[in-house]
Amino acid sequence: MTLIDLVVLLIIAGLCGALGQAITGFSRGGCLVSIALGFIGALLGMWLARNLGLPELFSVQIGTTSFPIIWSIIGSALFVAIIALLSRSRP
């Protein structure tokens, strides 16, 4: 993986994480948090897809790495929703 491949992968993960945050309406942090959410969302989304027997809908091939776009957005939205439920203060 070259440096340009890594930068493109980080940008795509950041966009997927930002979309996951936008879907749930809960946002904490900036660009680095969005990148981390994109990667965590990809792991969580692909794990769910494999366990449920669902296909990989849309993935981008970057160098030798395949990054699942749709499952990353779904996984990051689920992860952010769980974080939002756990971190909300109760009156």
PDB file of N, CA and C in Angstrom:
ATOM      1  N   MET A   1       0.851  -1.166   0.000  1.00  0.00           N
ATOM      2  CA  MET A   1       0.000   0.000   0.000  1.00  0.00           C
ATOM      3  C   MET A   1       0.898   1.229   0.000  1.00  0.00           C
ATOM      4  N   THR A   2       0.649   2.089  -0.945  1.00  0.00           N
ATOM      5  CA  THR A   2       1.437   3.308  -1.049  1.00  0.00           C
ATOM      6  C   THR A   2       0.850   4.397  -0.153  1.00  0.00           C
ATOM      7  N   LEU A   3       1.549   5.490  -0.072  1.00  0.00           N
ATOM      8  CA  LEU A   3       1.092   6.606   0.752  1.00  0.00           C
ATOM      9  C   LEU A   3      -0.202   7.200   0.198  1.00  0.00           C
ATOM     10  N   ILE A   4      -0.313   7.269  -1.108  1.00  0.00           N
ATOM     11  CA  ILE A   4      -1.532   7.815  -1.725  1.00  0.00           C
ATOM     12  C   ILE A   4      -2.717   6.884  -1.460  1.00  0.00           C
ATOM     13  N   ASP A   5      -2.488   5.572  -1.510  1.00  0.00           N
ATOM     14  CA  ASP A   5      -3.564   4.621  -1.187  1.00  0.00           C
ATOM     15  C   ASP A   5      -4.047   4.820   0.239  1.00  0.00           C
ATOM     16  N   LEU A   6      -3.118   5.029   1.163  1.00  0.00           N
ATOM     17  CA  LEU A   6      -3.474   5.243   2.563  1.00  0.00           C
ATOM     18  C   LEU A   6      -4.270   6.527   2.748  1.00  0.00           C
ATOM     19  N   VAL A   7      -3.866   7.590   2.077  1.00  0.00           N
ATOM     20  CA  VAL A   7      -4.576   8.869   2.185  1.00  0.00           C
ATOM     21  C   VAL A   7      -5.991   8.737   1.624  1.00  0.00           C
ATOM     22  N   VAL A   8      -6.138   8.066   0.480  1.00  0.00           N
ATOM     23  CA  VAL A   8      -7.463   7.860  -0.112  1.00  0.00           C
ATOM     24  C   VAL A   8      -8.328   7.017   0.814  1.00  0.00           C
ATOM     25  N   LEU A   9      -7.747   5.975   1.419  1.00  0.00           N
ATOM     26  CA  LEU A   9      -8.489   5.131   2.354  1.00  0.00           C
ATOM     27  C   LEU A   9      -8.943   5.922   3.573  1.00  0.00           C
ATOM     28  N   LEU A  10      -8.089   6.796   4.098  1.00  0.00           N
ATOM     29  CA  LEU A  10      -8.462   7.627   5.240  1.00  0.00           C
ATOM     30  C   LEU A  10      -9.571   8.612   4.879  1.00  0.00           C
ATOM     31  N   ILE A  11      -9.521   9.180   3.680  1.00  0.00           N
ATOM     32  CA  ILE A  11     -10.564  10.113   3.248  1.00  0.00           C
ATOM     33  C   ILE A  11     -11.901   9.404   3.108  1.00  0.00           C
ATOM     34  N   ILE A  12     -11.899   8.221   2.513  1.00  0.00           N
ATOM     35  CA  ILE A  12     -13.147   7.465   2.341  1.00  0.00           C
ATOM     36  C   ILE A  12     -13.707   7.042   3.698  1.00  0.00           C
ATOM     37  N   ALA A  13     -12.839   6.592   4.606  1.00  0.00           N
ATOM     38  CA  ALA A  13     -13.294   6.211   5.950  1.00  0.00           C
ATOM     39  C   ALA A  13     -13.854   7.418   6.686  1.00  0.00           C
ATOM     40  N   GLY A  14     -13.231   8.580   6.527  1.00  0.00           N
ATOM     41  CA  GLY A  14     -13.730   9.794   7.157  1.00  0.00           C
ATOM     42  C   GLY A  14     -15.099  10.195   6.641  1.00  0.00           C
ATOM     43  N   LEU A  15     -15.307  10.075   5.341  1.00  0.00           N
ATOM     44  CA  LEU A  15     -16.619  10.389   4.769  1.00  0.00           C
ATOM     45  C   LEU A  15     -17.688   9.414   5.253  1.00  0.00           C
ATOM     46  N   CYS A  16     -17.344   8.135   5.318  1.00  0.00           N
ATOM     47  CA  CYS A  16     -18.313   7.146   5.805  1.00  0.00           C
ATOM     48  C   CYS A  16     -18.648   7.377   7.276  1.00  0.00           C
ATOM     49  N   GLY A  17     -17.645   7.708   8.085  1.00  0.00           N
ATOM     50  CA  GLY A  17     -17.891   8.013   9.495  1.00  0.00           C
ATOM     51  C   GLY A  17     -18.729   9.265   9.677  1.00  0.00           C
ATOM     52  N   ALA A  18     -18.467  10.271   8.852  1.00  0.00           N
ATOM     53  CA  ALA A  18     -19.251  11.513   8.936  1.00  0.00           C
ATOM     54  C   ALA A  18     -20.698  11.261   8.521  1.00  0.00           C
ATOM     55  N   LEU A  19     -20.910  10.434   7.512  1.00  0.00           N
ATOM     56  CA  LEU A  19     -22.278  10.084   7.117  1.00  0.00           C
ATOM     57  C   LEU A  19     -22.988   9.296   8.213  1.00  0.00           C
ATOM     58  N   GLY A  20     -22.266   8.406   8.887  1.00  0.00           N
ATOM     59  CA  GLY A  20     -22.855   7.674  10.008  1.00  0.00           C
ATOM     60  C   GLY A  20     -23.266   8.602  11.135  1.00  0.00           C
ATOM     61  N   GLN A  21     -22.436   9.614  11.406  1.00  0.00           N
ATOM     62  CA  GLN A  21     -22.791  10.594  12.431  1.00  0.00           C
ATOM     63  C   GLN A  21     -23.978  11.437  11.989  1.00  0.00           C
ATOM     64  N   ALA A  22     -24.034  11.786  10.722  1.00  0.00           N
ATOM     65  CA  ALA A  22     -25.141  12.606  10.216  1.00  0.00           C
ATOM     66  C   ALA A  22     -26.458  11.835  10.250  1.00  0.00           C
ATOM     67  N   ILE A  23     -26.410  10.548   9.993  1.00  0.00           N
ATOM     68  CA  ILE A  23     -27.635   9.735  10.020  1.00  0.00           C
ATOM     69  C   ILE A  23     -28.217   9.686  11.422  1.00  0.00           C
ATOM     70  N   THR A  24     -27.367   9.528  12.421  1.00  0.00           N
ATOM     71  CA  THR A  24     -27.862   9.421  13.793  1.00  0.00           C
ATOM     72  C   THR A  24     -28.118  10.781  14.432  1.00  0.00           C
ATOM     73  N   GLY A  25     -27.486  11.825  13.927  1.00  0.00           N
ATOM     74  CA  GLY A  25     -27.682  13.147  14.500  1.00  0.00           C
ATOM     75  C   GLY A  25     -26.884  13.384  15.763  1.00  0.00           C
ATOM     76  N   PHE A  26     -25.917  12.557  16.040  1.00  0.00           N
ATOM     77  CA  PHE A  26     -25.090  12.686  17.236  1.00  0.00           C
ATOM     78  C   PHE A  26     -23.649  12.821  16.790  1.00  0.00           C
ATOM     79  N   SER A  27     -23.000  13.903  17.149  1.00  0.00           N
ATOM     80  CA  SER A  27     -21.643  14.145  16.668  1.00  0.00           C
ATOM     81  C   SER A  27     -20.747  14.576  17.810  1.00  0.00           C
ATOM     82  N   ARG A  28     -19.638  13.879  17.934  1.00  0.00           N
ATOM     83  CA  ARG A  28     -18.604  14.258  18.893  1.00  0.00           C
ATOM     84  C   ARG A  28     -17.277  14.186  18.185  1.00  0.00           C
ATOM     85  N   GLY A  29     -16.503  15.214  18.281  1.00  0.00           N
ATOM     86  CA  GLY A  29     -15.180  15.205  17.689  1.00  0.00           C
ATOM     87  C   GLY A  29     -15.182  15.713  16.269  1.00  0.00           C
ATOM     88  N   GLY A  30     -14.021  15.626  15.663  1.00  0.00           N
ATOM     89  CA  GLY A  30     -13.856  16.173  14.330  1.00  0.00           C
ATOM     90  C   GLY A  30     -13.490  15.125  13.302  1.00  0.00           C
ATOM     91  N   CYS A  31     -12.505  15.461  12.512  1.00  0.00           N
ATOM     92  CA  CYS A  31     -12.116  14.634  11.377  1.00  0.00           C
ATOM     93  C   CYS A  31     -11.526  13.291  11.813  1.00  0.00           C
ATOM     94  N   LEU A  32     -10.681  13.292  12.826  1.00  0.00           N
ATOM     95  CA  LEU A  32     -10.070  12.045  13.286  1.00  0.00           C
ATOM     96  C   LEU A  32     -11.112  11.090  13.863  1.00  0.00           C
ATOM     97  N   VAL A  33     -12.102  11.631  14.540  1.00  0.00           N
ATOM     98  CA  VAL A  33     -13.180  10.801  15.076  1.00  0.00           C
ATOM     99  C   VAL A  33     -13.994  10.199  13.935  1.00  0.00           C
ATOM    100  N   SER A  34     -14.227  10.966  12.897  1.00  0.00           N
ATOM    101  CA  SER A  34     -14.964  10.450  11.745  1.00  0.00           C
ATOM    102  C   SER A  34     -14.198   9.337  11.041  1.00  0.00           C
ATOM    103  N   ILE A  35     -12.884   9.477  10.931  1.00  0.00           N
ATOM    104  CA  ILE A  35     -12.061   8.434  10.318  1.00  0.00           C
ATOM    105  C   ILE A  35     -12.116   7.164  11.159  1.00  0.00           C
ATOM    106  N   ALA A  36     -11.979   7.312  12.473  1.00  0.00           N
ATOM    107  CA  ALA A  36     -12.050   6.146  13.352  1.00  0.00           C
ATOM    108  C   ALA A  36     -13.417   5.484  13.271  1.00  0.00           C
ATOM    109  N   LEU A  37     -14.477   6.297  13.226  1.00  0.00           N
ATOM    110  CA  LEU A  37     -15.824   5.731  13.102  1.00  0.00           C
ATOM    111  C   LEU A  37     -16.013   5.011  11.778  1.00  0.00           C
ATOM    112  N   GLY A  38     -15.403   5.515  10.724  1.00  0.00           N
ATOM    113  CA  GLY A  38     -15.483   4.846   9.429  1.00  0.00           C
ATOM    114  C   GLY A  38     -14.848   3.467   9.463  1.00  0.00           C
ATOM    115  N   PHE A  39     -13.688   3.353  10.097  1.00  0.00           N
ATOM    116  CA  PHE A  39     -13.027   2.051  10.196  1.00  0.00           C
ATOM    117  C   PHE A  39     -13.777   1.107  11.141  1.00  0.00           C
ATOM    118  N   ILE A  40     -14.216   1.617  12.280  1.00  0.00           N
ATOM    119  CA  ILE A  40     -14.992   0.792  13.211  1.00  0.00           C
ATOM    120  C   ILE A  40     -16.302   0.371  12.563  1.00  0.00           C
ATOM    121  N   GLY A  41     -16.924   1.282  11.834  1.00  0.00           N
ATOM    122  CA  GLY A  41     -18.151   0.960  11.122  1.00  0.00           C
ATOM    123  C   GLY A  41     -17.947  -0.101  10.066  1.00  0.00           C
ATOM    124  N   ALA A  42     -16.812  -0.060   9.374  1.00  0.00           N
ATOM    125  CA  ALA A  42     -16.518  -1.091   8.373  1.00  0.00           C
ATOM    126  C   ALA A  42     -16.366  -2.452   9.036  1.00  0.00           C
ATOM    127  N   LEU A  43     -15.680  -2.492  10.168  1.00  0.00           N
ATOM    128  CA  LEU A  43     -15.531  -3.766  10.881  1.00  0.00           C
ATOM    129  C   LEU A  43     -16.867  -4.277  11.403  1.00  0.00           C
ATOM    130  N   LEU A  44     -17.631  -3.399  12.042  1.00  0.00           N
ATOM    131  CA  LEU A  44     -18.929  -3.790  12.598  1.00  0.00           C
ATOM    132  C   LEU A  44     -19.917  -4.163  11.498  1.00  0.00           C
ATOM    133  N   GLY A  45     -19.958  -3.374  10.433  1.00  0.00           N
ATOM    134  CA  GLY A  45     -20.877  -3.643   9.343  1.00  0.00           C
ATOM    135  C   GLY A  45     -20.572  -4.943   8.627  1.00  0.00           C
ATOM    136  N   MET A  46     -19.302  -5.215   8.356  1.00  0.00           N
ATOM    137  CA  MET A  46     -18.943  -6.468   7.691  1.00  0.00           C
ATOM    138  C   MET A  46     -19.172  -7.670   8.604  1.00  0.00           C
ATOM    139  N   TRP A  47     -18.965  -7.502   9.893  1.00  0.00           N
ATOM    140  CA  TRP A  47     -19.237  -8.587  10.831  1.00  0.00           C
ATOM    141  C   TRP A  47     -20.727  -8.926  10.822  1.00  0.00           C
ATOM    142  N   LEU A  48     -21.576  -7.891  10.859  1.00  0.00           N
ATOM    143  CA  LEU A  48     -23.018  -8.114  10.792  1.00  0.00           C
ATOM    144  C   LEU A  48     -23.429  -8.751   9.471  1.00  0.00           C
ATOM    145  N   ALA A  49     -22.862  -8.277   8.378  1.00  0.00           N
ATOM    146  CA  ALA A  49     -23.207  -8.816   7.063  1.00  0.00           C
ATOM    147  C   ALA A  49     -22.824 -10.288   6.948  1.00  0.00           C
ATOM    148  N   ARG A  50     -21.663 -10.649   7.441  1.00  0.00           N
ATOM    149  CA  ARG A  50     -21.233 -12.057   7.381  1.00  0.00           C
ATOM    150  C   ARG A  50     -22.110 -12.943   8.255  1.00  0.00           C
ATOM    151  N   ASN A  51     -22.451 -12.468   9.453  1.00  0.00           N
ATOM    152  CA  ASN A  51     -23.279 -13.272  10.348  1.00  0.00           C
ATOM    153  C   ASN A  51     -24.707 -13.417   9.852  1.00  0.00           C
ATOM    154  N   LEU A  52     -25.212 -12.411   9.143  1.00  0.00           N
ATOM    155  CA  LEU A  52     -26.569 -12.478   8.607  1.00  0.00           C
ATOM    156  C   LEU A  52     -26.620 -13.053   7.202  1.00  0.00           C
ATOM    157  N   GLY A  53     -25.469 -13.353   6.631  1.00  0.00           N
ATOM    158  CA  GLY A  53     -25.410 -13.932   5.293  1.00  0.00           C
ATOM    159  C   GLY A  53     -25.739 -12.945   4.184  1.00  0.00           C
ATOM    160  N   LEU A  54     -25.441 -11.675   4.392  1.00  0.00           N
ATOM    161  CA  LEU A  54     -25.737 -10.637   3.406  1.00  0.00           C
ATOM    162  C   LEU A  54     -24.510 -10.379   2.530  1.00  0.00           C
ATOM    163  N   PRO A  55     -24.718  -9.984   1.280  1.00  0.00           N
ATOM    164  CA  PRO A  55     -23.573  -9.750   0.393  1.00  0.00           C
ATOM    165  C   PRO A  55     -22.906  -8.407   0.658  1.00  0.00           C
ATOM    166  N   GLU A  56     -21.695  -8.281   0.153  1.00  0.00           N
ATOM    167  CA  GLU A  56     -20.983  -7.013   0.225  1.00  0.00           C
ATOM    168  C   GLU A  56     -21.517  -6.137  -0.899  1.00  0.00           C
ATOM    169  N   LEU A  57     -22.287  -5.103  -0.544  1.00  0.00           N
ATOM    170  CA  LEU A  57     -23.041  -4.346  -1.531  1.00  0.00           C
ATOM    171  C   LEU A  57     -22.173  -3.469  -2.426  1.00  0.00           C
ATOM    172  N   PHE A  58     -21.378  -2.622  -1.870  1.00  0.00           N
ATOM    173  CA  PHE A  58     -20.575  -1.681  -2.649  1.00  0.00           C
ATOM    174  C   PHE A  58     -19.242  -1.512  -1.957  1.00  0.00           C
ATOM    175  N   SER A  59     -18.191  -1.965  -2.601  1.00  0.00           N
ATOM    176  CA  SER A  59     -16.871  -1.801  -2.001  1.00  0.00           C
ATOM    177  C   SER A  59     -15.936  -1.151  -3.004  1.00  0.00           C
ATOM    178  N   VAL A  60     -14.988  -0.422  -2.478  1.00  0.00           N
ATOM    179  CA  VAL A  60     -14.006   0.281  -3.290  1.00  0.00           C
ATOM    180  C   VAL A  60     -12.678  -0.434  -3.126  1.00  0.00           C
ATOM    181  N   GLN A  61     -12.032  -0.731  -4.228  1.00  0.00           N
ATOM    182  CA  GLN A  61     -10.721  -1.376  -4.210  1.00  0.00           C
ATOM    183  C   GLN A  61      -9.659  -0.282  -4.236  1.00  0.00           C
ATOM    184  N   ILE A  62      -8.889  -0.181  -3.157  1.00  0.00           N
ATOM    185  CA  ILE A  62      -7.822   0.810  -3.043  1.00  0.00           C
ATOM    186  C   ILE A  62      -6.516   0.048  -2.887  1.00  0.00           C
ATOM    187  N   GLY A  63      -5.742   0.009  -3.938  1.00  0.00           N
ATOM    188  CA  GLY A  63      -4.526  -0.795  -3.916  1.00  0.00           C
ATOM    189  C   GLY A  63      -4.904  -2.265  -3.809  1.00  0.00           C
ATOM    190  N   THR A  64      -4.499  -2.887  -2.720  1.00  0.00           N
ATOM    191  CA  THR A  64      -4.867  -4.286  -2.476  1.00  0.00           C
ATOM    192  C   THR A  64      -5.955  -4.414  -1.423  1.00  0.00           C
ATOM    193  N   THR A  65      -6.447  -3.304  -0.923  1.00  0.00           N
ATOM    194  CA  THR A  65      -7.440  -3.296   0.149  1.00  0.00           C
ATOM    195  C   THR A  65      -8.825  -3.019  -0.402  1.00  0.00           C
ATOM    196  N   SER A  66      -9.787  -3.818   0.030  1.00  0.00           N
ATOM    197  CA  SER A  66     -11.181  -3.598  -0.342  1.00  0.00           C
ATOM    198  C   SER A  66     -11.899  -2.958   0.843  1.00  0.00           C
ATOM    199  N   PHE A  67     -12.546  -1.815   0.615  1.00  0.00           N
ATOM    200  CA  PHE A  67     -13.225  -1.095   1.689  1.00  0.00           C
ATOM    201  C   PHE A  67     -14.720  -1.072   1.411  1.00  0.00           C
ATOM    202  N   PRO A  68     -15.550  -1.670   2.304  1.00  0.00           N
ATOM    203  CA  PRO A  68     -17.000  -1.734   2.083  1.00  0.00           C
ATOM    204  C   PRO A  68     -17.692  -0.422   2.456  1.00  0.00           C
ATOM    205  N   ILE A  69     -18.132   0.314   1.469  1.00  0.00           N
ATOM    206  CA  ILE A  69     -18.713   1.634   1.692  1.00  0.00           C
ATOM    207  C   ILE A  69     -20.049   1.551   2.439  1.00  0.00           C
ATOM    208  N   ILE A  70     -21.000   0.794   1.895  1.00  0.00           N
ATOM    209  CA  ILE A  70     -22.351   0.733   2.477  1.00  0.00           C
ATOM    210  C   ILE A  70     -22.313   0.160   3.893  1.00  0.00           C
ATOM    211  N   TRP A  71     -21.572  -0.926   4.088  1.00  0.00           N
ATOM    212  CA  TRP A  71     -21.517  -1.531   5.423  1.00  0.00           C
ATOM    213  C   TRP A  71     -20.759  -0.649   6.406  1.00  0.00           C
ATOM    214  N   SER A  72     -19.834   0.144   5.925  1.00  0.00           N
ATOM    215  CA  SER A  72     -19.140   1.086   6.797  1.00  0.00           C
ATOM    216  C   SER A  72     -20.082   2.171   7.297  1.00  0.00           C
ATOM    217  N   ILE A  73     -20.927   2.680   6.408  1.00  0.00           N
ATOM    218  CA  ILE A  73     -21.889   3.714   6.806  1.00  0.00           C
ATOM    219  C   ILE A  73     -22.910   3.133   7.783  1.00  0.00           C
ATOM    220  N   ILE A  74     -23.427   1.940   7.479  1.00  0.00           N
ATOM    221  CA  ILE A  74     -24.412   1.301   8.370  1.00  0.00           C
ATOM    222  C   ILE A  74     -23.778   0.983   9.718  1.00  0.00           C
ATOM    223  N   GLY A  75     -22.582   0.414   9.701  1.00  0.00           N
ATOM    224  CA  GLY A  75     -21.902   0.068  10.952  1.00  0.00           C
ATOM    225  C   GLY A  75     -21.554   1.280  11.791  1.00  0.00           C
ATOM    226  N   SER A  76     -21.099   2.352  11.145  1.00  0.00           N
ATOM    227  CA  SER A  76     -20.771   3.544  11.922  1.00  0.00           C
ATOM    228  C   SER A  76     -22.026   4.209  12.476  1.00  0.00           C
ATOM    229  N   ALA A  77     -23.138   4.157  11.730  1.00  0.00           N
ATOM    230  CA  ALA A  77     -24.398   4.701  12.260  1.00  0.00           C
ATOM    231  C   ALA A  77     -24.859   3.899  13.466  1.00  0.00           C
ATOM    232  N   LEU A  78     -24.747   2.581  13.406  1.00  0.00           N
ATOM    233  CA  LEU A  78     -25.116   1.748  14.558  1.00  0.00           C
ATOM    234  C   LEU A  78     -24.204   2.021  15.753  1.00  0.00           C
ATOM    235  N   PHE A  79     -22.913   2.139  15.498  1.00  0.00           N
ATOM    236  CA  PHE A  79     -21.961   2.388  16.569  1.00  0.00           C
ATOM    237  C   PHE A  79     -22.194   3.746  17.216  1.00  0.00           C
ATOM    238  N   VAL A  80     -22.449   4.765  16.416  1.00  0.00           N
ATOM    239  CA  VAL A  80     -22.716   6.103  16.955  1.00  0.00           C
ATOM    240  C   VAL A  80     -24.028   6.120  17.722  1.00  0.00           C
ATOM    241  N   ALA A  81     -25.032   5.385  17.245  1.00  0.00           N
ATOM    242  CA  ALA A  81     -26.310   5.313  17.956  1.00  0.00           C
ATOM    243  C   ALA A  81     -26.133   4.660  19.324  1.00  0.00           C
ATOM    244  N   ILE A  82     -25.316   3.623  19.392  1.00  0.00           N
ATOM    245  CA  ILE A  82     -25.052   2.963  20.677  1.00  0.00           C
ATOM    246  C   ILE A  82     -24.317   3.913  21.615  1.00  0.00           C
ATOM    247  N   ILE A  83     -23.329   4.629  21.091  1.00  0.00           N
ATOM    248  CA  ILE A  83     -22.602   5.606  21.910  1.00  0.00           C
ATOM    249  C   ILE A  83     -23.547   6.703  22.401  1.00  0.00           C
ATOM    250  N   ALA A  84     -24.444   7.159  21.541  1.00  0.00           N
ATOM    251  CA  ALA A  84     -25.389   8.216  21.925  1.00  0.00           C
ATOM    252  C   ALA A  84     -26.331   7.730  23.021  1.00  0.00           C
ATOM    253  N   LEU A  85     -26.779   6.483  22.925  1.00  0.00           N
ATOM    254  CA  LEU A  85     -27.666   5.944  23.963  1.00  0.00           C
ATOM    255  C   LEU A  85     -26.952   5.798  25.296  1.00  0.00           C
ATOM    256  N   LEU A  86     -25.693   5.389  25.254  1.00  0.00           N
ATOM    257  CA  LEU A  86     -24.950   5.169  26.497  1.00  0.00           C
ATOM    258  C   LEU A  86     -24.469   6.474  27.140  1.00  0.00           C
ATOM    259  N   SER A  87     -24.245   7.511  26.350  1.00  0.00           N
ATOM    260  CA  SER A  87     -23.657   8.723  26.915  1.00  0.00           C
ATOM    261  C   SER A  87     -24.650   9.820  27.216  1.00  0.00           C
ATOM    262  N   ARG A  88     -25.887   9.632  26.918  1.00  0.00           N
ATOM    263  CA  ARG A  88     -26.882  10.677  27.234  1.00  0.00           C
ATOM    264  C   ARG A  88     -27.113  10.715  28.733  1.00  0.00           C
ATOM    265  N   SER A  89     -27.173  11.925  29.249  1.00  0.00           N
ATOM    266  CA  SER A  89     -27.442  12.075  30.673  1.00  0.00           C
ATOM    267  C   SER A  89     -28.936  11.965  30.936  1.00  0.00           C
ATOM    268  N   ARG A  90     -29.259  11.363  32.022  1.00  0.00           N
ATOM    269  CA  ARG A  90     -30.664  11.184  32.393  1.00  0.00           C
ATOM    270  C   ARG A  90     -31.064  12.236  33.405  1.00  0.00           C
ATOM    271  N   PRO A  91     -32.251  12.805  33.271  1.00  0.00           N
ATOM    272  CA  PRO A  91     -32.667  13.871  34.208  1.00  0.00           C
ATOM    273  C   PRO A  91     -32.998  13.340  35.595  1.00  0.00           C
TER     274      PRO A  91
END
